[in-house]
Amino acid sequence: MIPGFDSFAKMIILFGVVLVLLGGLFLVVGKLLYIGRLPGDIYIQRKSFSFYFPLTTSIIISIILTLLFTLFSRR
């Protein structure tokens, strides 16, 4: 193995585990809460066209991930 890549490999594995846990959490919580249908999410529907952009949901997820990465990156 190339020197210095041990920590990088562990970080990628941790990131994968976190993504799997978050995905499972979103599957469970998505059925309980209205994630994806929050006020501020943009939804436009016409006769032959529909557009959905989860703006508020994206901001909330970004804040949560920022807090998680900040907490776990401190040594």
C-alpha atoms as a PDB file:
ATOM      1  CA  MET A   1       0.000   0.000   0.000  1.00  0.00           C
ATOM      2  CA  ILE A   2       1.170   3.525  -0.716  1.00  0.00           C
ATOM      3  CA  PRO A   3       2.235   5.416   2.414  1.00  0.00           C
ATOM      4  CA  GLY A   4      -0.285   7.994   3.573  1.00  0.00           C
ATOM      5  CA  PHE A   5      -3.287   6.358   1.967  1.00  0.00           C
ATOM      6  CA  ASP A   6      -4.324   4.457   5.093  1.00  0.00           C
ATOM      7  CA  SER A   7      -6.079   7.461   6.568  1.00  0.00           C
ATOM      8  CA  PHE A   8      -7.611   8.339   3.196  1.00  0.00           C
ATOM      9  CA  ALA A   9      -8.992   4.813   2.803  1.00  0.00           C
ATOM     10  CA  LYS A  10     -10.452   4.891   6.313  1.00  0.00           C
ATOM     11  CA  MET A  11     -12.050   8.265   5.613  1.00  0.00           C
ATOM     12  CA  ILE A  12     -13.711   6.961   2.429  1.00  0.00           C
ATOM     13  CA  ILE A  13     -15.008   3.885   4.278  1.00  0.00           C
ATOM     14  CA  LEU A  14     -16.375   6.098   7.061  1.00  0.00           C
ATOM     15  CA  PHE A  15     -17.998   8.372   4.482  1.00  0.00           C
ATOM     16  CA  GLY A  16     -19.643   5.332   2.859  1.00  0.00           C
ATOM     17  CA  VAL A  17     -20.963   4.080   6.186  1.00  0.00           C
ATOM     18  CA  VAL A  18     -22.325   7.537   7.017  1.00  0.00           C
ATOM     19  CA  LEU A  19     -24.051   7.706   3.620  1.00  0.00           C
ATOM     20  CA  VAL A  20     -25.643   4.281   4.119  1.00  0.00           C
ATOM     21  CA  LEU A  21     -26.853   5.261   7.596  1.00  0.00           C
ATOM     22  CA  LEU A  22     -28.218   8.577   6.341  1.00  0.00           C
ATOM     23  CA  GLY A  23     -29.961   6.823   3.462  1.00  0.00           C
ATOM     24  CA  GLY A  24     -31.614   4.390   5.851  1.00  0.00           C
ATOM     25  CA  LEU A  25     -32.538   7.223   8.160  1.00  0.00           C
ATOM     26  CA  PHE A  26     -34.132   9.152   5.301  1.00  0.00           C
ATOM     27  CA  LEU A  27     -36.129   6.076   4.271  1.00  0.00           C
ATOM     28  CA  VAL A  28     -37.552   5.739   7.769  1.00  0.00           C
ATOM     29  CA  VAL A  29     -37.967   9.423   8.579  1.00  0.00           C
ATOM     30  CA  GLY A  30     -39.296  10.213   5.104  1.00  0.00           C
ATOM     31  CA  LYS A  31     -42.349   8.135   5.825  1.00  0.00           C
ATOM     32  CA  LEU A  32     -42.894   9.804   9.198  1.00  0.00           C
ATOM     33  CA  LEU A  33     -42.124  13.425   8.377  1.00  0.00           C
ATOM     34  CA  TYR A  34     -42.754  15.582   5.373  1.00  0.00           C
ATOM     35  CA  ILE A  35     -39.136  15.682   4.184  1.00  0.00           C
ATOM     36  CA  GLY A  36     -39.287  16.657   0.551  1.00  0.00           C
ATOM     37  CA  ARG A  37     -42.626  18.413   0.977  1.00  0.00           C
ATOM     38  CA  LEU A  38     -41.605  21.287   3.206  1.00  0.00           C
ATOM     39  CA  PRO A  39     -42.731  24.890   2.823  1.00  0.00           C
ATOM     40  CA  GLY A  40     -40.242  26.539   0.497  1.00  0.00           C
ATOM     41  CA  ASP A  41     -39.824  23.492  -1.731  1.00  0.00           C
ATOM     42  CA  ILE A  42     -40.616  24.512  -5.291  1.00  0.00           C
ATOM     43  CA  TYR A  43     -43.226  22.465  -7.145  1.00  0.00           C
ATOM     44  CA  ILE A  44     -44.701  23.586 -10.460  1.00  0.00           C
ATOM     45  CA  GLN A  45     -47.211  21.436 -12.294  1.00  0.00           C
ATOM     46  CA  ARG A  46     -48.711  22.169 -15.689  1.00  0.00           C
ATOM     47  CA  LYS A  47     -50.645  20.001 -18.138  1.00  0.00           C
ATOM     48  CA  SER A  48     -47.665  18.193 -19.627  1.00  0.00           C
ATOM     49  CA  PHE A  49     -44.860  19.411 -17.391  1.00  0.00           C
ATOM     50  CA  SER A  50     -43.956  19.148 -13.735  1.00  0.00           C
ATOM     51  CA  PHE A  51     -40.919  20.569 -11.966  1.00  0.00           C
ATOM     52  CA  TYR A  52     -39.887  19.866  -8.397  1.00  0.00           C
ATOM     53  CA  PHE A  53     -36.913  21.387  -6.589  1.00  0.00           C
ATOM     54  CA  PRO A  54     -36.615  20.658  -2.837  1.00  0.00           C
ATOM     55  CA  LEU A  55     -34.974  23.958  -1.875  1.00  0.00           C
ATOM     56  CA  THR A  56     -35.828  23.968   1.839  1.00  0.00           C
ATOM     57  CA  THR A  57     -35.125  20.256   2.172  1.00  0.00           C
ATOM     58  CA  SER A  58     -31.712  20.721   0.525  1.00  0.00           C
ATOM     59  CA  ILE A  59     -30.817  23.558   2.887  1.00  0.00           C
ATOM     60  CA  ILE A  60     -31.816  21.516   5.958  1.00  0.00           C
ATOM     61  CA  ILE A  61     -29.834  18.485   4.770  1.00  0.00           C
ATOM     62  CA  SER A  62     -26.842  20.721   4.078  1.00  0.00           C
ATOM     63  CA  ILE A  63     -26.979  22.197   7.583  1.00  0.00           C
ATOM     64  CA  ILE A  64     -27.248  18.754   9.174  1.00  0.00           C
ATOM     65  CA  LEU A  65     -24.327  17.372   7.142  1.00  0.00           C
ATOM     66  CA  THR A  66     -22.218  20.444   7.908  1.00  0.00           C
ATOM     67  CA  LEU A  67     -22.829  19.972  11.623  1.00  0.00           C
ATOM     68  CA  LEU A  68     -22.037  16.246  11.440  1.00  0.00           C
ATOM     69  CA  PHE A  69     -18.811  16.757   9.489  1.00  0.00           C
ATOM     70  CA  THR A  70     -17.765  19.570  11.809  1.00  0.00           C
ATOM     71  CA  LEU A  71     -18.334  17.411  14.885  1.00  0.00           C
ATOM     72  CA  PHE A  72     -16.518  14.373  13.465  1.00  0.00           C
ATOM     73  CA  SER A  73     -13.598  16.287  11.954  1.00  0.00           C
ATOM     74  CA  ARG A  74     -12.426  17.731  15.287  1.00  0.00           C
ATOM     75  CA  ARG A  75      -9.575  15.841  16.898  1.00  0.00           C
END
